């Protein structure tokens, strides 16, 4: 990087990309130098909206000509392997949108390609950067909950009913053969790992409630962690929760310990109730209720920029994120086998670095 500036190029102009471009533009010492889309007119439009210097139809041409410091891949999983391979050959660090590749094999391959090329491969996992998740982590680490024994995240975005489910924002959701866990539940897998470390086992029962989609849109996953801690992901995209914005927290979470219970509600508020008491007290903290998920995309990208400009550690590099993918695989395997999957003993789950 020259003059303490991070030069960034982006590939992709879908619905969610707006949050990426807006975030990059808000950060000091960052310059968006290129945008790529297979539809050149769309790329041109984005270059005008977000004041990006150049626009392209071919990502390899863009990288060859601009030689950016960093590439943000904001395109569907089917494009990831090819794009990461191109960037790796050119020695350009990348951030890859999740889902990370189409399957475990591709994820492993991309991690290996990045390692061999000596580039950084970061995964855009933004739920852990939601402000209520960061604050909850602080509370957990403070020890005021005592021994945490039970956790439940009720995923209830309420956007999955009817023939037009998901069509307005992300129509391809209807055609994904694996949906709830692969596309959305993976966020909660990462949140649980962020909170409690690696799970020891998983047990899952998944189902499809809306017949117009191909994949599962509901299900329950039980995670076992060290310390006799059990965490449950109870997801259903057809159902909602109490919130003025169903896409803010995407649901509600309860973390229960021997000294007290923490609740995250649909407004992003955090409540703490001491054991044997009837009153819950709100834990106040500062956050921005804007864009997606409490501005978590901005916080994720800010975290990446701080690594490059200030030398802070990166969370969720590809090699670390592989554990999420492997847990995801175990969840689907558990559902198919109707049995618990031990993540330490099962040979297909082990991460190789």
Protein backbone atom coordinates (compact mmCIF):
# COMPACT_ATOMS: atom_id res chain seq x y z
CA UNK A 1 0.00 0.00 0.00
CA UNK A 2 1.24 3.43 -0.93
CA UNK A 3 0.78 6.51 1.28
CA UNK A 4 -1.03 4.49 3.94
CA UNK A 5 -4.01 3.98 1.63
CA UNK A 6 -5.87 0.77 0.86
CA UNK A 7 -6.85 0.48 -2.80
CA UNK A 8 -9.91 -1.75 -3.13
CA UNK A 9 -11.65 -3.32 -6.13
CA UNK A 10 -15.05 -5.02 -5.90
CA UNK A 11 -16.69 -7.76 -7.94
CA UNK A 12 -20.47 -8.00 -7.77
CA UNK A 13 -23.46 -5.67 -7.82
CA UNK A 14 -26.27 -7.75 -6.29
CA UNK A 15 -28.70 -6.68 -3.58
CA UNK A 16 -26.32 -7.06 -0.64
CA UNK A 17 -23.38 -5.39 -2.37
CA UNK A 18 -24.84 -1.94 -1.65
CA UNK A 19 -23.86 -2.33 1.98
CA UNK A 20 -20.30 -3.21 1.02
CA UNK A 21 -19.80 -0.24 -1.30
CA UNK A 22 -21.34 2.18 1.17
CA UNK A 23 -19.08 0.87 3.94
CA UNK A 24 -15.87 1.09 1.91
CA UNK A 25 -16.73 4.67 0.98
CA UNK A 26 -17.22 5.73 4.59
CA UNK A 27 -13.75 4.72 5.70
CA UNK A 28 -10.75 7.01 5.69
CA UNK A 29 -7.62 5.96 3.80
CA UNK A 30 -9.62 3.65 1.54
CA UNK A 31 -10.08 4.23 -2.18
CA UNK A 32 -12.49 2.24 -4.33
CA UNK A 33 -10.65 1.93 -7.63
CA UNK A 34 -12.78 -0.56 -9.56
CA UNK A 35 -16.11 -2.34 -9.84
CA UNK A 36 -16.84 -5.40 -11.96
CA UNK A 37 -20.03 -6.98 -13.22
CA UNK A 38 -20.76 -9.18 -16.24
CA UNK A 39 -23.32 -6.53 -17.26
CA UNK A 40 -21.11 -3.57 -18.13
CA UNK A 41 -23.97 -1.08 -17.84
CA UNK A 42 -24.65 -2.18 -14.28
CA UNK A 43 -20.96 -1.85 -13.47
CA UNK A 44 -20.98 1.65 -14.96
CA UNK A 45 -24.04 2.57 -12.93
CA UNK A 46 -22.40 1.43 -9.69
CA UNK A 47 -19.24 3.34 -10.55
CA UNK A 48 -21.32 6.50 -10.79
CA UNK A 49 -23.40 5.87 -7.68
CA UNK A 50 -20.43 5.07 -5.47
CA UNK A 51 -17.88 7.30 -7.18
CA UNK A 52 -15.61 4.44 -8.25
CA UNK A 53 -12.86 5.31 -10.69
CA UNK A 54 -13.14 2.41 -13.15
CA UNK A 55 -15.69 -0.22 -14.14
CA UNK A 56 -15.17 -3.57 -15.86
CA UNK A 57 -16.94 -6.59 -17.27
CA UNK A 58 -14.11 -9.05 -16.56
CA UNK A 59 -12.58 -9.43 -13.11
CA UNK A 60 -9.21 -10.65 -14.38
CA UNK A 61 -8.85 -7.66 -16.67
CA UNK A 62 -9.76 -5.36 -13.79
CA UNK A 63 -7.15 -6.87 -11.49
CA UNK A 64 -4.44 -6.88 -14.16
CA UNK A 65 -5.01 -3.25 -15.02
CA UNK A 66 -5.65 -1.78 -11.58
CA UNK A 67 -3.44 -4.00 -9.40
CA UNK A 68 -5.47 -3.22 -6.25
CA UNK A 69 -4.33 -4.08 -2.74
CA UNK A 70 -7.55 -5.91 -1.98
CA UNK A 71 -10.46 -7.53 -3.82
CA UNK A 72 -13.93 -7.75 -2.28
CA UNK A 73 -15.82 -10.67 -3.85
CA UNK A 74 -19.55 -9.96 -3.46
CA UNK A 75 -20.84 -12.57 -5.90
CA UNK A 76 -22.64 -15.93 -5.47
CA UNK A 77 -20.75 -19.07 -4.31
CA UNK A 78 -20.50 -20.52 -7.84
CA UNK A 79 -18.05 -17.70 -8.73
CA UNK A 80 -15.79 -17.90 -5.69
CA UNK A 81 -13.26 -20.56 -6.67
CA UNK A 82 -12.51 -19.02 -10.06
CA UNK A 83 -12.22 -15.49 -8.68
CA UNK A 84 -10.02 -16.47 -5.74
CA UNK A 85 -7.79 -18.42 -8.13
CA UNK A 86 -7.37 -15.38 -10.39
CA UNK A 87 -6.58 -13.07 -7.46
CA UNK A 88 -4.13 -15.57 -5.98
CA UNK A 89 -2.15 -15.78 -9.23
CA UNK A 90 -1.80 -12.00 -9.13
CA UNK A 91 -0.88 -11.89 -5.44
CA UNK A 92 -3.96 -9.89 -4.42
CA UNK A 93 -5.61 -10.39 -1.02
CA UNK A 94 -9.33 -11.11 -1.08
CA UNK A 95 -12.47 -10.99 1.01
CA UNK A 96 -15.03 -13.60 -0.01
CA UNK A 97 -18.75 -13.27 0.67
CA UNK A 98 -20.46 -16.19 2.36
CA UNK A 99 -21.64 -18.83 1.70
CA UNK A 100 -17.93 -19.56 1.14
CA UNK A 101 -17.88 -21.57 -2.07
CA UNK A 102 -20.36 -24.24 -3.09
CA UNK A 103 -19.17 -27.02 -0.77
CA UNK A 104 -16.50 -28.13 1.67
CA UNK A 105 -14.17 -29.31 -1.10
CA UNK A 106 -14.19 -25.88 -2.76
CA UNK A 107 -13.66 -24.12 0.56
CA UNK A 108 -10.64 -26.31 1.31
CA UNK A 109 -9.31 -25.73 -2.20
CA UNK A 110 -9.56 -21.95 -1.89
CA UNK A 111 -7.80 -21.99 1.47
CA UNK A 112 -5.01 -24.08 -0.04
CA UNK A 113 -4.72 -21.80 -3.08
CA UNK A 114 -4.47 -18.72 -0.86
CA UNK A 115 -1.88 -20.34 1.38
CA UNK A 116 0.27 -21.41 -1.55
CA UNK A 117 0.08 -17.95 -3.12
CA UNK A 118 0.81 -16.23 0.18
CA UNK A 119 -2.30 -14.06 0.06
CA UNK A 120 -4.81 -13.33 2.78
CA UNK A 121 -8.25 -14.86 2.32
CA UNK A 122 -10.88 -13.27 4.57
CA UNK A 123 -14.52 -14.36 4.78
CA UNK A 124 -17.18 -11.67 5.05
CA UNK A 125 -18.91 -13.10 8.13
CA UNK A 126 -20.78 -10.12 9.53
CA UNK A 127 -23.14 -11.47 12.25
CA UNK A 128 -20.32 -11.61 14.77
CA UNK A 129 -19.86 -7.89 14.10
CA UNK A 130 -23.46 -7.02 14.91
CA UNK A 131 -23.20 -4.64 17.87
CA UNK A 132 -25.44 -6.70 20.18
CA UNK A 133 -23.32 -9.78 19.46
CA UNK A 134 -20.10 -7.90 20.30
CA UNK A 135 -21.69 -6.56 23.50
CA UNK A 136 -23.03 -9.99 24.46
CA UNK A 137 -19.52 -11.39 24.05
CA UNK A 138 -18.26 -8.75 26.50
CA UNK A 139 -20.92 -9.75 29.01
CA UNK A 140 -20.14 -13.46 28.60
CA UNK A 141 -16.43 -12.83 29.10
CA UNK A 142 -17.10 -10.68 32.19
CA UNK A 143 -18.35 -13.78 34.03
CA UNK A 144 -21.52 -12.20 35.46
CA UNK A 145 -23.67 -15.01 34.02
CA UNK A 146 -21.83 -17.65 36.02
CA UNK A 147 -21.51 -21.06 34.37
CA UNK A 148 -23.42 -20.82 31.10
CA UNK A 149 -25.47 -23.95 30.60
CA UNK A 150 -28.18 -23.18 28.04
CA UNK A 151 -28.28 -20.94 24.97
CA UNK A 152 -30.99 -20.56 22.35
CA UNK A 153 -31.14 -18.46 19.19
CA UNK A 154 -34.59 -18.31 17.61
CA UNK A 155 -34.01 -17.35 13.98
CA UNK A 156 -37.26 -15.74 12.80
CA UNK A 157 -36.81 -13.34 9.84
CA UNK A 158 -40.40 -13.89 8.67
CA UNK A 159 -39.64 -13.50 4.96
CA UNK A 160 -40.26 -17.05 3.72
CA UNK A 161 -43.99 -17.33 3.18
CA UNK A 162 -45.86 -17.64 -0.12
CA UNK A 163 -44.94 -18.06 -3.76
CA UNK A 164 -42.96 -14.81 -3.83
CA UNK A 165 -40.73 -15.64 -0.86
CA UNK A 166 -37.28 -13.99 -1.20
CA UNK A 167 -37.96 -12.79 -4.78
CA UNK A 168 -37.69 -9.08 -4.00
CA UNK A 169 -34.16 -9.18 -2.58
CA UNK A 170 -32.46 -12.50 -3.34
CA UNK A 171 -34.52 -14.62 -5.72
CA UNK A 172 -31.85 -17.33 -5.97
CA UNK A 173 -32.75 -18.36 -2.41
CA UNK A 174 -35.70 -20.30 -3.87
CA UNK A 175 -33.40 -22.53 -5.93
CA UNK A 176 -30.76 -23.36 -3.32
CA UNK A 177 -30.83 -27.12 -2.58
CA UNK A 178 -29.43 -26.36 0.89
CA UNK A 179 -30.83 -23.16 2.28
CA UNK A 180 -31.54 -22.46 5.95
CA UNK A 181 -28.25 -23.74 7.31
CA UNK A 182 -26.00 -23.11 4.28
CA UNK A 183 -27.19 -19.55 3.66
CA UNK A 184 -28.36 -18.23 7.04
CA UNK A 185 -27.76 -20.69 9.87
CA UNK A 186 -24.03 -20.60 9.15
CA UNK A 187 -24.05 -17.13 10.71
CA UNK A 188 -25.30 -18.54 14.00
CA UNK A 189 -22.77 -21.37 13.81
CA UNK A 190 -20.10 -18.66 13.68
CA UNK A 191 -21.72 -16.66 16.50
CA UNK A 192 -21.80 -19.74 18.74
CA UNK A 193 -18.14 -20.43 17.95
CA UNK A 194 -17.32 -16.76 18.63
CA UNK A 195 -19.05 -17.00 22.01
CA UNK A 196 -18.03 -20.45 23.20
CA UNK A 197 -15.26 -21.94 21.03
CA UNK A 198 -15.54 -25.15 19.07
CA UNK A 199 -18.60 -27.40 19.53
CA UNK A 200 -18.05 -31.03 20.43
CA UNK A 201 -21.09 -32.44 18.65
CA UNK A 202 -24.22 -31.49 16.72
CA UNK A 203 -27.64 -33.03 16.27
CA UNK A 204 -30.02 -31.64 13.62
CA UNK A 205 -33.53 -32.07 12.32
CA UNK A 206 -34.33 -29.95 9.26
CA UNK A 207 -37.50 -29.50 7.24
CA UNK A 208 -39.08 -27.52 4.41
CA UNK A 209 -42.23 -25.55 5.26
CA UNK A 210 -42.68 -23.57 2.03
CA UNK A 211 -43.05 -25.99 -0.93
CA UNK A 212 -42.07 -23.36 -3.53
CA UNK A 213 -38.40 -23.51 -2.51
CA UNK A 214 -35.97 -26.38 -3.05
CA UNK A 215 -34.06 -26.39 0.23
CA UNK A 216 -34.89 -26.53 3.90
CA UNK A 217 -36.30 -23.36 5.48
CA UNK A 218 -36.77 -24.55 9.06
CA UNK A 219 -34.98 -26.75 11.53
CA UNK A 220 -33.46 -27.27 14.95
CA UNK A 221 -29.78 -27.86 15.65
CA UNK A 222 -28.43 -28.82 19.08
CA UNK A 223 -24.76 -28.04 19.80
CA UNK A 224 -22.78 -29.46 22.72
CA UNK A 225 -19.81 -27.45 24.01
CA UNK A 226 -17.26 -27.90 26.77
CA UNK A 227 -18.46 -27.13 30.28
CA UNK A 228 -21.78 -28.97 29.85
CA UNK A 229 -23.06 -26.08 27.70
CA UNK A 230 -25.86 -26.77 25.23
CA UNK A 231 -26.78 -24.28 22.51
CA UNK A 232 -29.80 -24.53 20.25
CA UNK A 233 -30.41 -22.93 16.89
CA UNK A 234 -34.18 -22.98 16.30
CA UNK A 235 -34.75 -21.53 12.84
CA UNK A 236 -37.82 -20.94 10.70
CA UNK A 237 -37.78 -18.35 7.93
CA UNK A 238 -41.58 -18.34 7.65
CA UNK A 239 -42.06 -17.10 11.22
CA UNK A 240 -41.31 -13.68 12.67
CA UNK A 241 -40.39 -12.20 16.04
CA UNK A 242 -41.26 -9.01 17.91
CA UNK A 243 -39.37 -6.28 16.08
CA UNK A 244 -39.87 -3.08 14.14
CA UNK A 245 -37.32 -4.42 11.64
CA UNK A 246 -37.25 -8.19 11.18
CA UNK A 247 -33.86 -8.02 9.45
CA UNK A 248 -32.18 -6.17 12.31
CA UNK A 249 -31.34 -9.06 14.66
CA UNK A 250 -33.08 -11.76 12.54
CA UNK A 251 -34.44 -13.23 15.76
CA UNK A 252 -33.99 -13.40 19.52
CA UNK A 253 -31.31 -14.94 21.69
CA UNK A 254 -31.18 -16.11 25.30
CA UNK A 255 -27.99 -17.02 27.18
CA UNK A 256 -28.64 -18.60 30.58
CA UNK A 257 -26.08 -19.15 33.32
CA UNK A 258 -26.05 -20.14 36.97
CA UNK A 259 -25.92 -16.48 38.09
CA UNK A 260 -28.20 -14.87 35.55
CA UNK A 261 -29.74 -14.74 32.09
CA UNK A 262 -29.01 -12.47 29.13
CA UNK A 263 -31.63 -11.76 26.45
CA UNK A 264 -31.18 -10.05 23.09
CA UNK A 265 -34.49 -8.84 21.66
CA UNK A 266 -35.57 -7.85 18.17
CA UNK A 267 -34.81 -4.18 18.79
CA UNK A 268 -31.16 -4.90 19.52
CA UNK A 269 -31.69 -4.32 23.23
CA UNK A 270 -29.84 -6.46 25.76
CA UNK A 271 -31.42 -7.43 29.09
CA UNK A 272 -29.85 -9.04 32.15
CA UNK A 273 -31.79 -10.73 34.95
CA UNK A 274 -30.03 -12.08 38.01
CA UNK A 275 -31.04 -15.54 39.10
CA UNK A 276 -33.90 -15.59 41.65
CA UNK A 277 -34.95 -12.06 40.62
CA UNK A 278 -38.03 -11.04 38.61
CA UNK A 279 -36.77 -7.81 37.07
CA UNK A 280 -34.59 -7.62 33.96
CA UNK A 281 -32.34 -4.58 33.62
CA UNK A 282 -31.34 -3.22 30.24
CA UNK A 283 -27.64 -3.10 29.45
CA UNK A 284 -27.10 0.13 27.56
CA UNK A 285 -24.47 0.39 24.84
CA UNK A 286 -23.83 2.55 21.79
CA UNK A 287 -24.63 1.34 18.28
CA UNK A 288 -25.96 2.55 14.94
CA UNK A 289 -29.39 1.32 13.86
CA UNK A 290 -28.75 1.72 10.14
CA UNK A 291 -28.13 -0.30 7.01
CA UNK A 292 -28.11 -4.05 7.68
CA UNK A 293 -27.87 -5.61 11.14
CA UNK A 294 -26.85 -2.60 13.18
CA UNK A 295 -24.35 -1.50 10.52
CA UNK A 296 -22.49 -4.80 10.83
CA UNK A 297 -21.19 -4.72 7.24
CA UNK A 298 -19.44 -1.44 8.00
CA UNK A 299 -18.03 -2.89 11.22
CA UNK A 300 -16.80 -5.99 9.37
CA UNK A 301 -15.08 -3.95 6.67
CA UNK A 302 -13.70 -1.51 9.23
CA UNK A 303 -12.15 -4.50 11.02
CA UNK A 304 -10.45 -5.54 7.76
CA UNK A 305 -9.15 -2.03 7.07
CA UNK A 306 -7.77 -1.70 10.60
CA UNK A 307 -5.75 -4.85 10.01
CA UNK A 308 -4.09 -3.35 6.95
CA UNK A 309 -3.61 0.18 8.24
CA UNK A 310 -3.07 -0.44 11.95
CA UNK A 311 -1.83 -4.04 12.12
CA UNK A 312 -4.67 -5.44 14.23
CA UNK A 313 -5.47 -9.15 14.08
CA UNK A 314 -7.95 -10.46 11.50
CA UNK A 315 -10.94 -12.52 12.56
CA UNK A 316 -12.43 -15.12 10.22
CA UNK A 317 -9.66 -15.76 7.78
CA UNK A 318 -10.46 -18.60 5.43
CA UNK A 319 -8.49 -21.26 7.28
CA UNK A 320 -10.38 -20.41 10.49
CA UNK A 321 -13.72 -20.15 8.74
CA UNK A 322 -13.31 -23.70 7.46
CA UNK A 323 -14.50 -24.87 10.86
CA UNK A 324 -17.87 -23.23 10.17
CA UNK A 325 -18.13 -25.08 6.88
CA UNK A 326 -17.22 -28.37 8.50
CA UNK A 327 -19.79 -27.87 11.25
CA UNK A 328 -22.34 -27.07 8.54
CA UNK A 329 -21.48 -30.35 6.81
CA UNK A 330 -21.95 -32.21 10.07
CA UNK A 331 -25.37 -30.60 10.55
CA UNK A 332 -26.62 -31.88 7.21
CA UNK A 333 -25.06 -35.27 7.85
CA UNK A 334 -26.76 -35.44 11.24
CA UNK A 335 -30.11 -34.67 9.65
CA UNK A 336 -29.65 -37.36 7.01
CA UNK A 337 -28.52 -39.99 9.51
CA UNK A 338 -30.90 -38.92 12.29
CA UNK A 339 -27.99 -39.15 14.69
CA UNK A 340 -25.60 -36.98 16.66
CA UNK A 341 -22.27 -36.23 14.96
CA UNK A 342 -19.15 -36.07 17.11
CA UNK A 343 -17.04 -33.28 15.66
CA UNK A 344 -13.79 -34.45 17.22
CA UNK A 345 -13.96 -38.08 16.19
CA UNK A 346 -15.68 -37.93 12.81
CA UNK A 347 -12.96 -38.16 10.10
CA UNK A 348 -14.72 -35.91 7.58
CA UNK A 349 -15.00 -33.04 10.04
CA UNK A 350 -11.34 -32.55 10.93
CA UNK A 351 -9.77 -29.35 9.68
CA UNK A 352 -6.45 -29.67 7.87
CA UNK A 353 -4.27 -26.59 7.71
